[in-house]
Amino acid sequence: YRDRRGRHRQPEWVRGERYQPSYNKGPQSSGPVLLSRRHLQQDADSSERVLMDMRWGLVPSWFKNDDPSKLQFNTSNCRSDTMLKKSSYKGALLKGKRCVVLADGFYEWQQQSGGKQPYFIYFPQNKDAMKEGTEGDEEWKGWRLLTMAGIFDCWEPPAGGEMLYTYTIITVDASKDVSFIHHRQVRAGRGAAGMPAILDGDEAIRKWLDFAEVPTQEAVKLIQPTENIVFHPVSTFVNSIRNNTPECVAPIELGAKKEVKATPSNKVMLGWLKNSQEGSPQKKENDLPKWTSQFIHSPSPKKTSADILQQWLGKQREPPAKKRKV
C-alpha cells in the first residue's frame, strides 16, 4: 500500500505466529485484519497499516465478566444501519477502531425446499491469476482477496492478563447480483441478513483505516453494497464446520455430483484447485492452499499461505479487473 506521502509500505505482522489458515472457519476463530498502526503505537502515522491476528466476534471493551465467552449476544456481524446505535459497536466505531478483514470470499446459503444450498462469493479474478512461472521468472500474482469493512475492540480481563483483540464484520443489504439467495446468512452471522460490506479498491481501504484523517461520519459513507462480485454453488460439505478441505470451495453443478464446467466466474478457482492437488495423493496438509474464516487464502501450491498473504500486502495492486456480472 502507499501511505499519505505516497511511499510504498508493507504492513508489519503483529502476532503473526498465531495465524491459522483454514478452508472453513466459523465464530470464535481467528483471522488476519488490517488496522492503523496508531491503535497500537500512539506516535505512529495513522496512515500506516499493520496486519494483526484477531478473534472473530467482537467483545466490547466495557464487558465486565471475567469470561468473554459469556457474552450473551452474537457479535460476529454488525448491521450497518444499527452500528451507530448499538452499544456493542458505537463506542469502538466513534473511537476510530475500524479494520479491514482479509478473505478470499465468504459463504452464504439459499433456502430451498430440500434444504440450504451454499454459495461461495468472491471478487472477480484476472484470467491469468492462477498461472505460475509460465513466462520466464514472472511470479504468480495470486488471488485477489476480499477486503471487508470491520470494527474491532480490545478487551482487558478484569483480573488482568493479556488483552483480547476481537472484530465484527459490517453487513449491508445484499446487492442485486446475489439477491436471489433469499436466505442470506454469512457463515458466522446467524440472523444477520445481508452481505459483508466490501471495500473495493485501495482508496476506500485507506479512508476506512485512517481514522485520524477521516472522521466516522465520512467513513461510514463507504459502507455500501457492491456489485463487483461473482459466485458459484459449492457442496453442502461446507455446512459442517468440521470439514476443512478444498472440497469446501470447489464449484459444483447443481442437481449433479460432477464438477461444473469452467465459466468466467469459476475458471480460476477450478484451475487452481486442480493444480494444487496434482502430484502425490498423499500431499501433506501444509502443502495445500488454505482459507480462513469462511475465508482466506489461495496460495500457490509451492508457497505457504503466510507467504502469499505477505506478498499480496507488500506489492502495489494492479488496476482492478473490469466489473462483470454473473
Foldseek 3Di string as FASTA:
>chain_A
DAFPVRDFDFAAEDPVVQADFFQAAAAQAKAKKKAACCVVPVVDQLLHIHIYIAGQWAQAQPDQDLDSVPPPDTQQEAELVCQCPDPSRNVQLQVLQKIKTKFQFWWWWAQDPVGTWIKTKHFQFDPCQQDACPDPHDGRLFGDIWIFIKGKHWYARPVGDDIHIYIHFYFYAEDPLPVNRVRTATRHRVPDHGGGQTQPDDVLNSLSRSCVVHPSVRNSVSRDHDQRMDMATADCLSVDSVDTDLSRHFHPDPPDGDGDDDDSRCNSVVVLVVQLCPDDVPDDPQLHWGAHHVGDTSDRSVDGRVVSVSVNSNDDDDPDDDGDGD
